[in-house]
C-alpha atoms as a PDB file:
ATOM      1  CA  MET A   1      68.506 -64.568  -3.483  1.00  0.00           C
ATOM      2  CA  ASN A   2      67.693 -61.154  -5.292  1.00  0.00           C
ATOM      3  CA  LEU A   3      68.784 -60.516  -8.823  1.00  0.00           C
ATOM      4  CA  ILE A   4      70.390 -57.199  -9.268  1.00  0.00           C
ATOM      5  CA  ILE A   5      69.417 -55.848 -12.708  1.00  0.00           C
ATOM      6  CA  ASP A   6      70.562 -52.497 -14.107  1.00  0.00           C
ATOM      7  CA  ILE A   7      68.981 -51.265 -16.892  1.00  0.00           C
ATOM      8  CA  GLU A   8      70.002 -47.665 -16.973  1.00  0.00           C
ATOM      9  CA  GLU A   9      72.022 -47.739 -20.049  1.00  0.00           C
ATOM     10  CA  ALA A  10      69.368 -49.916 -21.892  1.00  0.00           C
ATOM     11  CA  SER A  11      66.615 -47.431 -21.108  1.00  0.00           C
ATOM     12  CA  LYS A  12      68.817 -44.693 -23.156  1.00  0.00           C
ATOM     13  CA  VAL A  13      68.408 -46.548 -26.309  1.00  0.00           C
ATOM     14  CA  ALA A  14      66.239 -44.689 -28.831  1.00  0.00           C
ATOM     15  CA  GLY A  15      62.621 -46.245 -28.764  1.00  0.00           C
ATOM     16  CA  PHE A  16      63.129 -47.930 -25.378  1.00  0.00           C
ATOM     17  CA  VAL A  17      59.443 -48.567 -24.102  1.00  0.00           C
ATOM     18  CA  SER A  18      60.036 -50.805 -21.062  1.00  0.00           C
ATOM     19  CA  PHE A  19      61.633 -53.501 -19.069  1.00  0.00           C
ATOM     20  CA  VAL A  20      59.440 -56.553 -17.893  1.00  0.00           C
ATOM     21  CA  ASN A  21      60.033 -59.182 -15.240  1.00  0.00           C
ATOM     22  CA  TYR A  22      58.556 -61.236 -12.689  1.00  0.00           C
ATOM     23  CA  LEU A  23      57.266 -58.311 -10.847  1.00  0.00           C
ATOM     24  CA  ASP A  24      54.782 -57.416 -13.772  1.00  0.00           C
ATOM     25  CA  VAL A  25      53.198 -60.833 -13.800  1.00  0.00           C
ATOM     26  CA  PRO A  26      49.516 -60.063 -12.989  1.00  0.00           C
ATOM     27  CA  GLY A  27      48.461 -63.633 -12.381  1.00  0.00           C
ATOM     28  CA  SER A  28      50.887 -66.576 -11.238  1.00  0.00           C
ATOM     29  CA  ASN A  29      54.604 -66.531 -12.137  1.00  0.00           C
ATOM     30  CA  LYS A  30      54.772 -69.931 -11.266  1.00  0.00           C
ATOM     31  CA  LEU A  31      53.361 -72.212 -13.966  1.00  0.00           C
ATOM     32  CA  THR A  32      50.986 -75.149 -13.374  1.00  0.00           C
ATOM     33  CA  GLY A  33      50.299 -78.637 -15.252  1.00  0.00           C
ATOM     34  CA  LEU A  34      53.138 -79.888 -17.482  1.00  0.00           C
ATOM     35  CA  LEU A  35      55.380 -77.097 -16.474  1.00  0.00           C
ATOM     36  CA  THR A  36      54.843 -76.909 -12.932  1.00  0.00           C
ATOM     37  CA  ASP A  37      58.530 -76.543 -12.064  1.00  0.00           C
ATOM     38  CA  GLU A  38      58.884 -73.480 -14.229  1.00  0.00           C
ATOM     39  CA  GLU A  39      58.586 -69.702 -13.921  1.00  0.00           C
ATOM     40  CA  VAL A  40      57.691 -67.167 -16.559  1.00  0.00           C
ATOM     41  CA  PHE A  41      60.457 -65.055 -15.469  1.00  0.00           C
ATOM     42  CA  VAL A  42      63.336 -66.081 -13.195  1.00  0.00           C
ATOM     43  CA  SER A  43      62.599 -64.711  -9.593  1.00  0.00           C
ATOM     44  CA  SER A  44      65.631 -65.601  -7.887  1.00  0.00           C
ATOM     45  CA  VAL A  45      67.936 -68.424  -9.298  1.00  0.00           C
ATOM     46  CA  ALA A  46      68.825 -68.785 -12.980  1.00  0.00           C
ATOM     47  CA  LEU A  47      69.189 -72.469 -13.528  1.00  0.00           C
ATOM     48  CA  CYS A  48      70.574 -72.458 -17.159  1.00  0.00           C
ATOM     49  CA  ILE A  49      71.816 -70.115 -19.899  1.00  0.00           C
ATOM     50  CA  GLY A  50      68.565 -69.119 -21.668  1.00  0.00           C
ATOM     51  CA  ALA A  51      66.530 -68.730 -18.497  1.00  0.00           C
ATOM     52  CA  ILE A  52      64.120 -65.789 -19.013  1.00  0.00           C
ATOM     53  CA  ILE A  53      65.049 -63.149 -16.630  1.00  0.00           C
ATOM     54  CA  GLY A  54      63.254 -60.181 -18.224  1.00  0.00           C
ATOM     55  CA  LEU A  55      62.234 -58.613 -21.573  1.00  0.00           C
ATOM     56  CA  VAL A  56      63.174 -55.468 -23.087  1.00  0.00           C
ATOM     57  CA  VAL A  57      60.513 -53.865 -25.230  1.00  0.00           C
ATOM     58  CA  CYS A  58      61.220 -51.389 -27.688  1.00  0.00           C
ATOM     59  CA  GLU A  59      59.755 -49.947 -30.749  1.00  0.00           C
ATOM     60  CA  SER A  60      62.086 -51.530 -33.235  1.00  0.00           C
ATOM     61  CA  GLU A  61      63.973 -54.710 -33.374  1.00  0.00           C
ATOM     62  CA  HIS A  62      67.109 -53.057 -33.756  1.00  0.00           C
ATOM     63  CA  GLY A  63      66.574 -51.126 -30.638  1.00  0.00           C
ATOM     64  CA  ALA A  64      65.345 -54.092 -28.623  1.00  0.00           C
ATOM     65  CA  LYS A  65      68.772 -56.064 -29.676  1.00  0.00           C
ATOM     66  CA  LEU A  66      70.750 -53.085 -28.734  1.00  0.00           C
ATOM     67  CA  ALA A  67      69.020 -52.501 -25.535  1.00  0.00           C
ATOM     68  CA  SER A  68      69.012 -55.991 -24.549  1.00  0.00           C
ATOM     69  CA  SER A  69      72.631 -56.093 -24.855  1.00  0.00           C
ATOM     70  CA  LEU A  70      73.039 -53.215 -22.284  1.00  0.00           C
ATOM     71  CA  VAL A  71      71.225 -54.828 -19.582  1.00  0.00           C
ATOM     72  CA  LYS A  72      73.622 -55.502 -16.556  1.00  0.00           C
ATOM     73  CA  ILE A  73      72.998 -58.411 -14.234  1.00  0.00           C
ATOM     74  CA  ASP A  74      74.977 -59.407 -11.126  1.00  0.00           C
ATOM     75  CA  TYR A  75      75.062 -63.092 -10.666  1.00  0.00           C
ATOM     76  CA  ASP A  76      76.093 -65.124  -7.550  1.00  0.00           C
ATOM     77  CA  LEU A  77      77.815 -68.289  -8.683  1.00  0.00           C
ATOM     78  CA  LEU A  78      75.934 -71.415  -7.348  1.00  0.00           C
ATOM     79  CA  LEU A  79      77.776 -74.875  -7.114  1.00  0.00           C
ATOM     80  CA  PRO A  80      77.924 -77.454  -8.047  1.00  0.00           C
ATOM     81  CA  ARG A  81      77.768 -76.819 -11.647  1.00  0.00           C
ATOM     82  CA  ILE A  82      76.019 -79.837 -13.282  1.00  0.00           C
ATOM     83  CA  PHE A  83      75.991 -80.110 -17.263  1.00  0.00           C
ATOM     84  CA  SER A  84      76.358 -83.851 -18.306  1.00  0.00           C
ATOM     85  CA  ILE A  85      74.932 -87.077 -17.440  1.00  0.00           C
ATOM     86  CA  ASP A  86      77.992 -88.150 -15.616  1.00  0.00           C
ATOM     87  CA  ASP A  87      77.992 -85.020 -13.571  1.00  0.00           C
ATOM     88  CA  ALA A  88      74.399 -85.595 -12.411  1.00  0.00           C
ATOM     89  CA  ILE A  89      75.313 -89.297 -11.456  1.00  0.00           C
ATOM     90  CA  ASN A  90      78.060 -88.123  -9.372  1.00  0.00           C
ATOM     91  CA  HIS A  91      76.006 -85.531  -7.507  1.00  0.00           C
ATOM     92  CA  GLN A  92      72.965 -87.880  -7.456  1.00  0.00           C
ATOM     93  CA  SER A  93      70.938 -85.004  -9.274  1.00  0.00           C
ATOM     94  CA  TYR A  94      67.614 -86.675 -10.555  1.00  0.00           C
ATOM     95  CA  PHE A  95      64.126 -85.906 -11.220  1.00  0.00           C
ATOM     96  CA  ASP A  96      61.604 -88.354  -9.516  1.00  0.00           C
ATOM     97  CA  ASP A  97      62.290 -91.858  -8.347  1.00  0.00           C
ATOM     98  CA  GLU A  98      64.028 -94.459 -10.608  1.00  0.00           C
ATOM     99  CA  LEU A  99      61.748 -96.097 -13.111  1.00  0.00           C
ATOM    100  CA  CYS A 100      61.851 -99.978 -13.559  1.00  0.00           C
ATOM    101  CA  LEU A 101      60.359-102.556 -15.944  1.00  0.00           C
ATOM    102  CA  ARG A 102      61.204-106.420 -15.219  1.00  0.00           C
ATOM    103  CA  LYS A 103      60.302-109.531 -17.095  1.00  0.00           C
ATOM    104  CA  GLY A 104      61.674-112.975 -16.042  1.00  0.00           C
ATOM    105  CA  ASP A 105      64.280-113.858 -13.752  1.00  0.00           C
ATOM    106  CA  VAL A 106      67.658-111.866 -15.272  1.00  0.00           C
ATOM    107  CA  GLN A 107      69.694-112.939 -12.289  1.00  0.00           C
ATOM    108  CA  ARG A 108      69.405-116.507 -12.813  1.00  0.00           C
ATOM    109  CA  VAL A 109      70.052-116.110 -16.372  1.00  0.00           C
ATOM    110  CA  PHE A 110      73.280-114.417 -15.793  1.00  0.00           C
ATOM    111  CA  LEU A 111      74.377-117.180 -13.512  1.00  0.00           C
ATOM    112  CA  ASP A 112      74.028-120.108 -16.060  1.00  0.00           C
ATOM    113  CA  ALA A 113      74.539-118.102 -19.338  1.00  0.00           C
ATOM    114  CA  GLU A 114      77.291-119.320 -21.771  1.00  0.00           C
ATOM    115  CA  HIS A 115      78.215-115.782 -22.991  1.00  0.00           C
ATOM    116  CA  ILE A 116      77.912-112.354 -21.043  1.00  0.00           C
ATOM    117  CA  LEU A 117      78.980-109.155 -22.766  1.00  0.00           C
ATOM    118  CA  GLU A 118      78.724-105.570 -21.268  1.00  0.00           C
ATOM    119  CA  ASP A 119      79.379-101.959 -22.660  1.00  0.00           C
ATOM    120  CA  THR A 120      78.208 -98.399 -22.251  1.00  0.00           C
ATOM    121  CA  LEU A 121      76.802 -95.992 -24.931  1.00  0.00           C
ATOM    122  CA  TYR A 122      76.552 -92.230 -24.713  1.00  0.00           C
ATOM    123  CA  ILE A 123      73.998 -90.723 -27.320  1.00  0.00           C
ATOM    124  CA  GLY A 124      74.177 -87.125 -27.825  1.00  0.00           C
ATOM    125  CA  GLY A 125      71.309 -84.815 -28.207  1.00  0.00           C
ATOM    126  CA  GLN A 126      69.955 -83.132 -31.568  1.00  0.00           C
ATOM    127  CA  GLU A 127      68.772 -79.946 -32.531  1.00  0.00           C
ATOM    128  CA  HIS A 128      65.239 -79.717 -34.013  1.00  0.00           C
ATOM    129  CA  PHE A 129      66.450 -77.038 -36.627  1.00  0.00           C
ATOM    130  CA  TYR A 130      62.967 -76.071 -37.562  1.00  0.00           C
ATOM    131  CA  MET A 131      62.856 -73.625 -40.393  1.00  0.00           C
ATOM    132  CA  GLU A 132      61.176 -70.798 -38.267  1.00  0.00           C
ATOM    133  CA  THR A 133      62.491 -70.024 -34.892  1.00  0.00           C
ATOM    134  CA  HIS A 134      60.215 -69.587 -31.882  1.00  0.00           C
ATOM    135  CA  SER A 135      57.960 -66.466 -32.652  1.00  0.00           C
ATOM    136  CA  CYS A 136      54.747 -64.972 -31.523  1.00  0.00           C
ATOM    137  CA  MET A 137      52.631 -61.734 -31.563  1.00  0.00           C
ATOM    138  CA  VAL A 138      50.315 -60.837 -28.649  1.00  0.00           C
ATOM    139  CA  ILE A 139      47.514 -58.398 -29.012  1.00  0.00           C
ATOM    140  CA  PRO A 140      45.554 -57.160 -26.064  1.00  0.00           C
ATOM    141  CA  SER A 141      41.974 -55.675 -26.668  1.00  0.00           C
ATOM    142  CA  ASN A 142      41.219 -51.954 -26.389  1.00  0.00           C
ATOM    143  CA  ASP A 143      39.239 -52.600 -23.184  1.00  0.00           C
ATOM    144  CA  ASP A 144      41.849 -55.153 -21.800  1.00  0.00           C
ATOM    145  CA  LYS A 145      39.328 -57.848 -21.267  1.00  0.00           C
ATOM    146  CA  GLU A 146      40.395 -60.111 -24.466  1.00  0.00           C
ATOM    147  CA  ILE A 147      43.731 -61.108 -25.523  1.00  0.00           C
ATOM    148  CA  ASP A 148      44.904 -62.970 -28.868  1.00  0.00           C
ATOM    149  CA  LEU A 149      47.864 -64.843 -29.161  1.00  0.00           C
ATOM    150  CA  TYR A 150      49.342 -65.473 -32.551  1.00  0.00           C
ATOM    151  CA  VAL A 151      51.973 -68.314 -31.951  1.00  0.00           C
ATOM    152  CA  GLY A 152      53.982 -70.850 -33.906  1.00  0.00           C
ATOM    153  CA  THR A 153      53.112 -73.848 -31.628  1.00  0.00           C
ATOM    154  CA  GLN A 154      52.085 -77.649 -31.643  1.00  0.00           C
ATOM    155  CA  ASN A 155      50.001 -77.037 -28.507  1.00  0.00           C
ATOM    156  CA  PRO A 156      47.439 -74.202 -28.690  1.00  0.00           C
ATOM    157  CA  SER A 157      45.514 -75.562 -25.985  1.00  0.00           C
ATOM    158  CA  LEU A 158      48.196 -75.547 -23.287  1.00  0.00           C
ATOM    159  CA  THR A 159      49.507 -72.124 -24.570  1.00  0.00           C
ATOM    160  CA  GLN A 160      45.822 -70.757 -23.975  1.00  0.00           C
ATOM    161  CA  GLU A 161      45.527 -72.291 -20.488  1.00  0.00           C
ATOM    162  CA  LEU A 162      48.917 -71.117 -19.266  1.00  0.00           C
ATOM    163  CA  THR A 163      48.622 -67.736 -20.596  1.00  0.00           C
ATOM    164  CA  ALA A 164      45.332 -67.388 -18.808  1.00  0.00           C
ATOM    165  CA  TRP A 165      46.893 -68.710 -15.713  1.00  0.00           C
ATOM    166  CA  VAL A 166      49.791 -66.266 -15.929  1.00  0.00           C
ATOM    167  CA  LEU A 167      47.680 -63.190 -16.548  1.00  0.00           C
ATOM    168  CA  GLY A 168      45.181 -64.176 -13.868  1.00  0.00           C
ATOM    169  CA  ARG A 169      42.392 -64.379 -16.468  1.00  0.00           C
ATOM    170  CA  ASP A 170      39.546 -66.977 -17.394  1.00  0.00           C
ATOM    171  CA  VAL A 171      40.644 -69.200 -20.366  1.00  0.00           C
ATOM    172  CA  SER A 172      37.487 -68.026 -22.358  1.00  0.00           C
ATOM    173  CA  HIS A 173      39.384 -64.419 -22.518  1.00  0.00           C
ATOM    174  CA  VAL A 174      42.473 -65.848 -24.339  1.00  0.00           C
ATOM    175  CA  THR A 175      42.347 -66.850 -27.835  1.00  0.00           C
ATOM    176  CA  CYS A 176      45.350 -68.794 -29.443  1.00  0.00           C
ATOM    177  CA  HIS A 177      45.743 -68.539 -33.113  1.00  0.00           C
ATOM    178  CA  VAL A 178      48.083 -70.835 -35.068  1.00  0.00           C
ATOM    179  CA  LYS A 179      48.455 -69.765 -38.651  1.00  0.00           C
ATOM    180  CA  ARG A 180      51.415 -71.907 -39.524  1.00  0.00           C
ATOM    181  CA  ILE A 181      54.207 -73.442 -37.314  1.00  0.00           C
ATOM    182  CA  GLY A 182      57.179 -73.236 -39.485  1.00  0.00           C
ATOM    183  CA  GLY A 183      58.445 -76.685 -38.624  1.00  0.00           C
ATOM    184  CA  ALA A 184      58.600 -78.178 -35.123  1.00  0.00           C
ATOM    185  CA  PHE A 185      59.489 -81.962 -34.939  1.00  0.00           C
ATOM    186  CA  GLY A 186      58.473 -81.675 -31.201  1.00  0.00           C
ATOM    187  CA  GLY A 187      60.496 -78.471 -30.465  1.00  0.00           C
ATOM    188  CA  LYS A 188      57.326 -76.521 -30.329  1.00  0.00           C
ATOM    189  CA  GLU A 189      54.999 -78.834 -28.182  1.00  0.00           C
ATOM    190  CA  THR A 190      55.902 -77.079 -24.852  1.00  0.00           C
ATOM    191  CA  ARG A 191      59.141 -75.003 -25.587  1.00  0.00           C
ATOM    192  CA  SER A 192      57.216 -72.450 -27.648  1.00  0.00           C
ATOM    193  CA  ILE A 193      55.053 -71.492 -24.584  1.00  0.00           C
ATOM    194  CA  PRO A 194      57.623 -69.764 -22.232  1.00  0.00           C
ATOM    195  CA  PRO A 195      58.688 -66.836 -24.753  1.00  0.00           C
ATOM    196  CA  CYS A 196      54.767 -66.205 -25.443  1.00  0.00           C
ATOM    197  CA  LEU A 197      53.925 -66.118 -21.851  1.00  0.00           C
ATOM    198  CA  ALA A 198      56.557 -63.519 -21.406  1.00  0.00           C
ATOM    199  CA  ALA A 199      55.432 -61.463 -24.456  1.00  0.00           C
ATOM    200  CA  ALA A 200      51.916 -61.595 -23.026  1.00  0.00           C
ATOM    201  CA  VAL A 201      52.823 -60.373 -19.592  1.00  0.00           C
ATOM    202  CA  ALA A 202      54.543 -57.261 -21.672  1.00  0.00           C
ATOM    203  CA  ALA A 203      51.564 -56.755 -23.705  1.00  0.00           C
ATOM    204  CA  VAL A 204      49.224 -56.528 -20.832  1.00  0.00           C
ATOM    205  CA  LYS A 205      51.350 -54.330 -18.940  1.00  0.00           C
ATOM    206  CA  LEU A 206      51.861 -51.802 -21.692  1.00  0.00           C
ATOM    207  CA  ALA A 207      48.303 -52.333 -23.255  1.00  0.00           C
ATOM    208  CA  ARG A 208      49.847 -52.589 -26.850  1.00  0.00           C
ATOM    209  CA  PRO A 209      50.550 -55.385 -29.194  1.00  0.00           C
ATOM    210  CA  VAL A 210      53.962 -57.091 -28.660  1.00  0.00           C
ATOM    211  CA  ARG A 211      55.940 -59.146 -31.064  1.00  0.00           C
ATOM    212  CA  LEU A 212      58.795 -61.535 -30.011  1.00  0.00           C
ATOM    213  CA  ASN A 213      61.015 -63.430 -32.412  1.00  0.00           C
ATOM    214  CA  LEU A 214      64.088 -65.285 -31.549  1.00  0.00           C
ATOM    215  CA  GLU A 215      67.292 -65.243 -33.683  1.00  0.00           C
ATOM    216  CA  ARG A 216      68.547 -68.588 -34.959  1.00  0.00           C
ATOM    217  CA  CYS A 217      71.740 -68.441 -32.557  1.00  0.00           C
ATOM    218  CA  VAL A 218      69.481 -67.402 -29.502  1.00  0.00           C
ATOM    219  CA  ASP A 219      67.122 -70.083 -30.275  1.00  0.00           C
ATOM    220  CA  MET A 220      69.455 -72.834 -30.597  1.00  0.00           C
ATOM    221  CA  SER A 221      71.098 -71.790 -27.393  1.00  0.00           C
ATOM    222  CA  ILE A 222      68.134 -71.429 -25.140  1.00  0.00           C
ATOM    223  CA  THR A 223      65.648 -74.011 -26.258  1.00  0.00           C
ATOM    224  CA  GLY A 224      65.968 -77.564 -25.529  1.00  0.00           C
ATOM    225  CA  HIS A 225      67.109 -80.709 -27.911  1.00  0.00           C
ATOM    226  CA  ARG A 226      66.551 -84.266 -28.155  1.00  0.00           C
ATOM    227  CA  HIS A 227      67.488 -85.904 -24.776  1.00  0.00           C
ATOM    228  CA  PRO A 228      71.089 -87.185 -24.553  1.00  0.00           C
ATOM    229  CA  PHE A 229      71.376 -90.610 -23.011  1.00  0.00           C
ATOM    230  CA  LYS A 230      73.616 -92.956 -21.370  1.00  0.00           C
ATOM    231  CA  ILE A 231      72.840 -96.617 -21.705  1.00  0.00           C
ATOM    232  CA  LYS A 232      74.789 -99.243 -19.868  1.00  0.00           C
ATOM    233  CA  TYR A 233      73.950-102.836 -21.033  1.00  0.00           C
ATOM    234  CA  LYS A 234      74.833-106.391 -19.997  1.00  0.00           C
ATOM    235  CA  ILE A 235      73.562-109.299 -22.287  1.00  0.00           C
ATOM    236  CA  ALA A 236      73.473-113.021 -21.871  1.00  0.00           C
ATOM    237  CA  PHE A 237      73.391-115.229 -24.857  1.00  0.00           C
ATOM    238  CA  ASN A 238      74.329-118.701 -26.139  1.00  0.00           C
ATOM    239  CA  SER A 239      76.618-119.839 -28.696  1.00  0.00           C
ATOM    240  CA  GLU A 240      74.068-119.501 -31.682  1.00  0.00           C
ATOM    241  CA  GLY A 241      73.568-115.935 -30.625  1.00  0.00           C
ATOM    242  CA  GLN A 242      70.079-116.500 -29.099  1.00  0.00           C
ATOM    243  CA  PHE A 243      69.421-113.829 -26.315  1.00  0.00           C
ATOM    244  CA  LEU A 244      68.825-115.142 -22.779  1.00  0.00           C
ATOM    245  CA  GLY A 245      68.729-112.201 -20.799  1.00  0.00           C
ATOM    246  CA  LEU A 246      69.274-108.411 -20.840  1.00  0.00           C
ATOM    247  CA  ASP A 247      70.064-105.934 -17.977  1.00  0.00           C
ATOM    248  CA  ILE A 248      69.924-102.327 -18.868  1.00  0.00           C
ATOM    249  CA  GLN A 249      70.577 -98.980 -17.105  1.00  0.00           C
ATOM    250  CA  MET A 250      69.453 -95.749 -18.786  1.00  0.00           C
ATOM    251  CA  TRP A 251      70.017 -92.081 -17.719  1.00  0.00           C
ATOM    252  CA  SER A 252      68.721 -89.095 -19.888  1.00  0.00           C
ATOM    253  CA  ASN A 253      69.826 -85.505 -19.563  1.00  0.00           C
ATOM    254  CA  ALA A 254      66.331 -83.666 -19.029  1.00  0.00           C
ATOM    255  CA  GLY A 255      67.923 -80.225 -18.521  1.00  0.00           C
ATOM    256  CA  CYS A 256      66.944 -77.888 -15.779  1.00  0.00           C
ATOM    257  CA  THR A 257      63.199 -78.899 -15.596  1.00  0.00           C
ATOM    258  CA  LEU A 258      61.158 -81.884 -16.003  1.00  0.00           C
ATOM    259  CA  ASP A 259      59.063 -80.734 -19.114  1.00  0.00           C
ATOM    260  CA  LEU A 260      58.288 -84.235 -20.953  1.00  0.00           C
ATOM    261  CA  SER A 261      61.179 -86.092 -19.793  1.00  0.00           C
ATOM    262  CA  LYS A 262      59.629 -88.646 -17.725  1.00  0.00           C
ATOM    263  CA  THR A 263      57.293 -89.665 -20.866  1.00  0.00           C
ATOM    264  CA  VAL A 264      60.335 -89.652 -23.040  1.00  0.00           C
ATOM    265  CA  MET A 265      62.181 -92.209 -20.633  1.00  0.00           C
ATOM    266  CA  GLU A 266      59.065 -94.126 -20.560  1.00  0.00           C
ATOM    267  CA  ALA A 267      58.805 -94.457 -24.149  1.00  0.00           C
ATOM    268  CA  ALA A 268      62.562 -95.329 -24.233  1.00  0.00           C
ATOM    269  CA  MET A 269      62.013 -98.244 -21.821  1.00  0.00           C
ATOM    270  CA  LEU A 270      58.928 -99.452 -23.597  1.00  0.00           C
ATOM    271  CA  HIS A 271      60.994 -99.503 -27.241  1.00  0.00           C
ATOM    272  CA  MET A 272      64.018-101.076 -25.544  1.00  0.00           C
ATOM    273  CA  GLY A 273      63.252-104.627 -27.052  1.00  0.00           C
ATOM    274  CA  ASN A 274      62.924-103.016 -30.751  1.00  0.00           C
ATOM    275  CA  THR A 275      61.780-106.117 -32.615  1.00  0.00           C
ATOM    276  CA  TYR A 276      63.463-108.761 -30.524  1.00  0.00           C
ATOM    277  CA  GLN A 277      62.226-111.214 -27.944  1.00  0.00           C
ATOM    278  CA  PHE A 278      63.806-110.933 -24.422  1.00  0.00           C
ATOM    279  CA  SER A 279      62.290-113.495 -22.346  1.00  0.00           C
ATOM    280  CA  ASN A 280      64.262-112.320 -19.290  1.00  0.00           C
ATOM    281  CA  ILE A 281      64.741-108.337 -19.107  1.00  0.00           C
ATOM    282  CA  LYS A 282      65.399-105.725 -16.771  1.00  0.00           C
ATOM    283  CA  ILE A 283      65.412-102.060 -17.413  1.00  0.00           C
ATOM    284  CA  HIS A 284      66.038 -99.231 -15.112  1.00  0.00           C
ATOM    285  CA  GLY A 285      65.600 -95.587 -16.085  1.00  0.00           C
ATOM    286  CA  ARG A 286      66.834 -92.347 -14.332  1.00  0.00           C
ATOM    287  CA  ILE A 287      66.230 -88.664 -15.539  1.00  0.00           C
ATOM    288  CA  CYS A 288      69.073 -86.497 -14.425  1.00  0.00           C
ATOM    289  CA  LYS A 289      68.572 -82.853 -13.687  1.00  0.00           C
ATOM    290  CA  THR A 290      71.227 -80.611 -14.981  1.00  0.00           C
ATOM    291  CA  HIS A 291      71.857 -76.995 -15.612  1.00  0.00           C
ATOM    292  CA  LEU A 292      70.904 -76.729 -19.289  1.00  0.00           C
ATOM    293  CA  PRO A 293      67.904 -75.650 -21.079  1.00  0.00           C
ATOM    294  CA  SER A 294      65.245 -78.062 -20.584  1.00  0.00           C
ATOM    295  CA  ASN A 295      65.332 -80.884 -23.276  1.00  0.00           C
ATOM    296  CA  THR A 296      62.031 -81.737 -24.769  1.00  0.00           C
ATOM    297  CA  ALA A 297      59.929 -83.863 -27.320  1.00  0.00           C
ATOM    298  CA  PHE A 298      61.627 -84.703 -30.560  1.00  0.00           C
ATOM    299  CA  ARG A 299      60.655 -87.212 -33.228  1.00  0.00           C
ATOM    300  CA  GLY A 300      60.664 -90.441 -31.898  1.00  0.00           C
ATOM    301  CA  PHE A 301      60.222 -89.582 -28.181  1.00  0.00           C
ATOM    302  CA  GLY A 302      62.949 -91.777 -26.529  1.00  0.00           C
ATOM    303  CA  GLY A 303      62.562 -94.480 -29.371  1.00  0.00           C
ATOM    304  CA  PRO A 304      65.539 -93.961 -31.462  1.00  0.00           C
ATOM    305  CA  GLN A 305      67.955 -93.907 -28.384  1.00  0.00           C
ATOM    306  CA  ALA A 306      66.581 -97.468 -27.156  1.00  0.00           C
ATOM    307  CA  MET A 307      66.513 -98.782 -30.634  1.00  0.00           C
ATOM    308  CA  LEU A 308      70.142 -97.714 -31.159  1.00  0.00           C
ATOM    309  CA  ALA A 309      71.120 -99.485 -27.954  1.00  0.00           C
ATOM    310  CA  CYS A 310      69.568-102.513 -29.150  1.00  0.00           C
ATOM    311  CA  GLU A 311      71.083-102.700 -32.643  1.00  0.00           C
ATOM    312  CA  SER A 312      74.303-101.878 -30.916  1.00  0.00           C
ATOM    313  CA  ILE A 313      73.723-105.056 -28.812  1.00  0.00           C
ATOM    314  CA  VAL A 314      73.161-107.174 -31.900  1.00  0.00           C
ATOM    315  CA  GLU A 315      76.261-105.878 -33.586  1.00  0.00           C
ATOM    316  CA  HIS A 316      78.269-106.495 -30.457  1.00  0.00           C
ATOM    317  CA  VAL A 317      76.996-110.101 -30.081  1.00  0.00           C
ATOM    318  CA  ALA A 318      77.738-110.692 -33.754  1.00  0.00           C
ATOM    319  CA  ALA A 319      81.104-109.352 -33.640  1.00  0.00           C
ATOM    320  CA  TYR A 320      81.922-111.607 -30.605  1.00  0.00           C
ATOM    321  CA  LEU A 321      80.513-114.847 -32.127  1.00  0.00           C
ATOM    322  CA  LYS A 322      82.078-113.696 -35.673  1.00  0.00           C
ATOM    323  CA  CYS A 323      78.841-114.121 -37.465  1.00  0.00           C
ATOM    324  CA  ASP A 324      76.761-112.167 -39.612  1.00  0.00           C
ATOM    325  CA  PRO A 325      74.655-109.545 -37.630  1.00  0.00           C
ATOM    326  CA  LEU A 326      71.401-110.365 -39.887  1.00  0.00           C
ATOM    327  CA  ALA A 327      71.552-113.908 -38.564  1.00  0.00           C
ATOM    328  CA  ILE A 328      71.357-112.630 -34.996  1.00  0.00           C
ATOM    329  CA  ARG A 329      68.352-110.366 -35.896  1.00  0.00           C
ATOM    330  CA  TYR A 330      66.622-113.216 -37.702  1.00  0.00           C
ATOM    331  CA  LEU A 331      67.322-115.661 -34.763  1.00  0.00           C
ATOM    332  CA  ASN A 332      66.025-113.159 -32.217  1.00  0.00           C
ATOM    333  CA  LEU A 333      62.802-111.551 -33.965  1.00  0.00           C
ATOM    334  CA  PHE A 334      59.409-111.742 -32.318  1.00  0.00           C
ATOM    335  CA  LYS A 335      57.476-114.916 -33.352  1.00  0.00           C
ATOM    336  CA  GLU A 336      53.719-115.387 -33.147  1.00  0.00           C
ATOM    337  CA  GLY A 337      52.908-116.009 -29.519  1.00  0.00           C
ATOM    338  CA  ASP A 338      55.775-114.220 -27.979  1.00  0.00           C
ATOM    339  CA  THR A 339      55.113-111.233 -25.658  1.00  0.00           C
ATOM    340  CA  THR A 340      56.776-107.782 -24.826  1.00  0.00           C
ATOM    341  CA  HIS A 341      58.475-106.949 -21.798  1.00  0.00           C
ATOM    342  CA  TYR A 342      55.599-104.631 -20.726  1.00  0.00           C
END
């Protein structure tokens, strides 16, 4: 499917310089490494709001904003539209195979348990809300052999490597400078890279410096957040509140590309026990593919979602037994000689 893009009105704006898209990429428009399922510029299918279709380059920020608002794009609506974890489950829209961790014999425990409780938690995402939005400046050398990147990123090495890949150059010809990041919290680990790559393509095409700064509303709309989770649990315990077995199914909303979502899910599965001993536990994890901007690293990296589920289980058991949740916590804390589920 070809995107139909009309820049006629945009090109009439005072100070308009150029429109840059996937046809202008000198190296590979398809990325590699951590972002192997992403493109610099959309070549056919825009998977989410915020997918970079093109870049309007103007002499001024005001001109660029005005010109970009005048670009017209004809879209064909593709179905199904998948936005939530439940949408993804209904349409079996996943990245990779199901992940699984097991310890002990959960099935046997549930057959003999005194008490069993079940529930489902929905845990929302979270905006990083760093002080400075994604920003970069790309300066090509006069002989077009070297290129300097000035980027607010947590990952200068990967930024350098992918810029070289996209421009079809050796890594030694790309220098990435990080003066200050302006806040990040994981939000500039990988998601700072796509805007920088787009700016680099524009700078090389025009043989002049290009600066790109996202407005706050745009930054919050098109960049990923903390992963929303759906967690379904089944807990077996005795009348004293001792945990006997736990069966957990976890789903995360990765957005439209994989990014770091597998690592986030793995971390969530490893943190699932929190500080409590589960002699019998089974954890399944699925990474949902949806039509949202790709969710990414965030402080805690899957741990907060898992620990929230664990503490919810404690509160649920305590409410059922009509006892102090603190007593349930003390009873089930790791003791010397205990082992984790991994």
